[in-house]
Every structure is written in structure tokens, then in C-alpha cells.
Amino acid sequence: MLNELESLSQNIGRLIAVNERQQQARHALEEQLAQLRQENETAQAELAQLREARNALQAERDALVAKIDDAQVRLNAILEKLPRGKGPYDSDSQLDLLASQQEKVEPGAVQHGEDA
């Protein structure tokens, strides 16, 4: 009977040790969970700020696109009002004009300005 009591006492001691380890592990996991929840809240707040910034940039982009479209419409209206007559610089022969200007330059001469 004494052996059974001693064996029972050892088993109770082991159970107490196991219980303490499990409680320590549980407390560590609870602390880790609390930390992860805090990190999650921080990440959610940052995400909300990034979404607000993205939405602001999208609104700015849309406003700029609208201004560009308006400017394009105005530019097209101005271009339609301009006379359509062919002047010395309005034809497809602008490359011909460039070629004729280059022929005027002497073959051995050094060019200055934009053509150089």
C-alpha cells in the first residue's frame, strides 16, 4: 500500500509539472495572440491609410485626365478654325525643304546651330 501511495504521489507530481508546463505554454500563446492581434490592427490601419491615398491619387488622375481631354477638345477646335491653305511650311514637303537646305551648305563646310 505504501508503494501505491508513493507511485500515486509521483504520478500526481508529474501531472502537476505537466499542468504547469501547459499553463506556461497557454500563457505564452495568449501573449503571442495578443501581439498578433495588435499587429493585425496596425496593418489594417495602414491599409486604410493606403486605400485613402490610392483613392486620392485616382481622383487626382481623373481630374488631370479630364483637363487633358478638355485641352484636347479646345486644341482641336482651334485647329479647325485655322485656315487650310498650303503655305510654304504646311505641305508634306517639309523633308524636301530640309534636304534643299542641306544641299545649300557646301560639302566641306562645318555646320553650326541645330543642324550641327
Protein backbone atom coordinates (compact mmCIF):
# COMPACT_ATOMS: atom_id res chain seq x y z
CA MET A 1 0.00 0.00 0.00
CA LEU A 2 2.89 2.30 0.74
CA ASN A 3 4.27 1.64 -2.72
CA GLU A 4 0.92 2.51 -4.27
CA LEU A 5 0.79 5.78 -2.35
CA GLU A 6 4.35 6.60 -3.39
CA SER A 7 3.53 5.75 -7.03
CA LEU A 8 0.36 7.81 -6.81
CA SER A 9 2.32 10.72 -5.32
CA GLN A 10 4.87 10.56 -8.17
CA ASN A 11 2.08 10.49 -10.74
CA ILE A 12 0.43 13.48 -9.09
CA GLY A 13 3.80 15.30 -9.14
CA ARG A 14 4.19 14.54 -12.87
CA LEU A 15 0.65 15.72 -13.56
CA ILE A 16 1.29 18.96 -11.67
CA ALA A 17 4.50 19.51 -13.67
CA VAL A 18 2.70 18.78 -16.96
CA ASN A 19 -0.15 21.09 -15.93
CA GLU A 20 2.31 23.91 -15.11
CA ARG A 21 4.07 23.48 -18.49
CA GLN A 22 0.73 23.57 -20.28
CA GLN A 23 -0.32 26.71 -18.39
CA GLN A 24 3.00 28.39 -19.26
CA ALA A 25 2.58 27.37 -22.90
CA ARG A 26 -1.00 28.65 -22.88
CA HIS A 27 0.08 31.99 -21.38
CA ALA A 28 2.85 32.29 -23.99
CA LEU A 29 0.35 31.56 -26.77
CA GLU A 30 -2.14 34.07 -25.36
CA GLU A 31 0.58 36.74 -25.30
CA GLN A 32 1.57 35.83 -28.85
CA LEU A 33 -2.07 36.00 -29.92
CA ALA A 34 -2.48 39.42 -28.32
CA GLN A 35 0.65 40.65 -30.09
CA LEU A 36 -0.57 39.28 -33.43
CA ARG A 37 -3.94 40.94 -32.92
CA GLN A 38 -2.19 44.26 -32.27
CA GLU A 39 -0.05 43.80 -35.41
CA ASN A 40 -3.21 42.98 -37.35
CA GLU A 41 -4.91 46.17 -36.14
CA THR A 42 -1.83 48.19 -37.09
CA ALA A 43 -1.76 46.58 -40.54
CA GLN A 44 -5.47 47.26 -41.01
CA ALA A 45 -4.98 50.92 -40.09
CA GLU A 46 -2.06 51.22 -42.53
CA LEU A 47 -4.14 49.53 -45.20
CA ALA A 48 -6.96 52.02 -44.66
CA GLN A 49 -4.49 54.91 -45.00
CA LEU A 50 -3.06 53.40 -48.19
CA ARG A 51 -6.54 53.00 -49.61
CA GLU A 52 -7.31 56.64 -48.85
CA ALA A 53 -4.06 57.71 -50.53
CA ARG A 54 -4.83 55.49 -53.53
CA ASN A 55 -8.32 56.95 -53.83
CA ALA A 56 -6.93 60.49 -53.62
CA LEU A 57 -4.40 59.70 -56.35
CA GLN A 58 -7.11 58.17 -58.52
CA ALA A 59 -9.26 61.26 -58.08
CA GLU A 60 -6.29 63.48 -58.98
CA ARG A 61 -5.56 61.31 -62.02
CA ASP A 62 -9.19 61.50 -63.13
CA ALA A 63 -9.15 65.29 -62.74
CA LEU A 64 -5.97 65.52 -64.81
CA VAL A 65 -7.42 63.25 -67.50
CA ALA A 66 -10.49 65.47 -67.64
CA LYS A 67 -8.28 68.57 -68.01
CA ILE A 68 -6.28 66.86 -70.78
CA ASP A 69 -9.48 65.88 -72.58
CA ASP A 70 -10.77 69.45 -72.27
CA ALA A 71 -7.48 70.83 -73.58
CA GLN A 72 -7.58 68.37 -76.49
CA VAL A 73 -11.10 69.47 -77.39
CA ARG A 74 -10.05 73.14 -77.25
CA LEU A 75 -6.94 72.43 -79.31
CA ASN A 76 -8.99 70.60 -81.93
CA ALA A 77 -11.44 73.50 -82.03
CA ILE A 78 -8.57 75.96 -82.56
CA LEU A 79 -7.03 73.76 -85.26
CA GLU A 80 -10.37 73.57 -87.07
CA LYS A 81 -10.59 77.37 -87.12
CA LEU A 82 -7.14 77.76 -88.71
CA PRO A 83 -7.05 78.24 -92.49
CA ARG A 84 -6.38 75.12 -94.51
CA GLY A 85 -4.39 76.77 -97.31
CA LYS A 86 -0.99 75.37 -98.17
CA GLY A 87 1.79 77.63 -97.08
CA PRO A 88 5.48 77.06 -97.64
CA TYR A 89 5.67 75.03 -94.40
CA ASP A 90 2.30 73.23 -94.45
CA SER A 91 2.85 70.52 -97.04
CA ASP A 92 4.35 67.08 -96.85
CA SER A 93 7.43 68.53 -98.48
CA GLN A 94 8.96 69.70 -95.20
CA LEU A 95 11.54 66.95 -95.57
CA ASP A 96 12.19 68.25 -99.08
CA LEU A 97 12.80 71.71 -97.60
CA LEU A 98 15.25 70.23 -95.11
CA ALA A 99 17.05 68.38 -97.87
CA SER A 100 17.25 71.53 -100.02
CA GLN A 101 18.70 73.49 -97.07
CA GLN A 102 21.36 70.85 -96.58
CA GLU A 103 22.28 70.97 -100.29
CA LYS A 104 22.93 74.71 -99.92
CA VAL A 105 25.65 74.02 -97.37
CA GLU A 106 28.99 73.42 -99.03
CA PRO A 107 30.22 69.82 -98.84
CA GLY A 108 33.34 70.67 -96.78
CA ALA A 109 31.81 73.38 -94.61
CA VAL A 110 31.24 72.91 -90.87
CA GLN A 111 27.63 73.28 -89.78
CA HIS A 112 26.67 75.38 -86.78
CA GLY A 113 23.46 75.59 -84.76
CA GLU A 114 20.74 72.98 -84.54
CA ASP A 115 21.93 71.01 -87.59
CA ALA A 116 25.42 70.52 -86.15
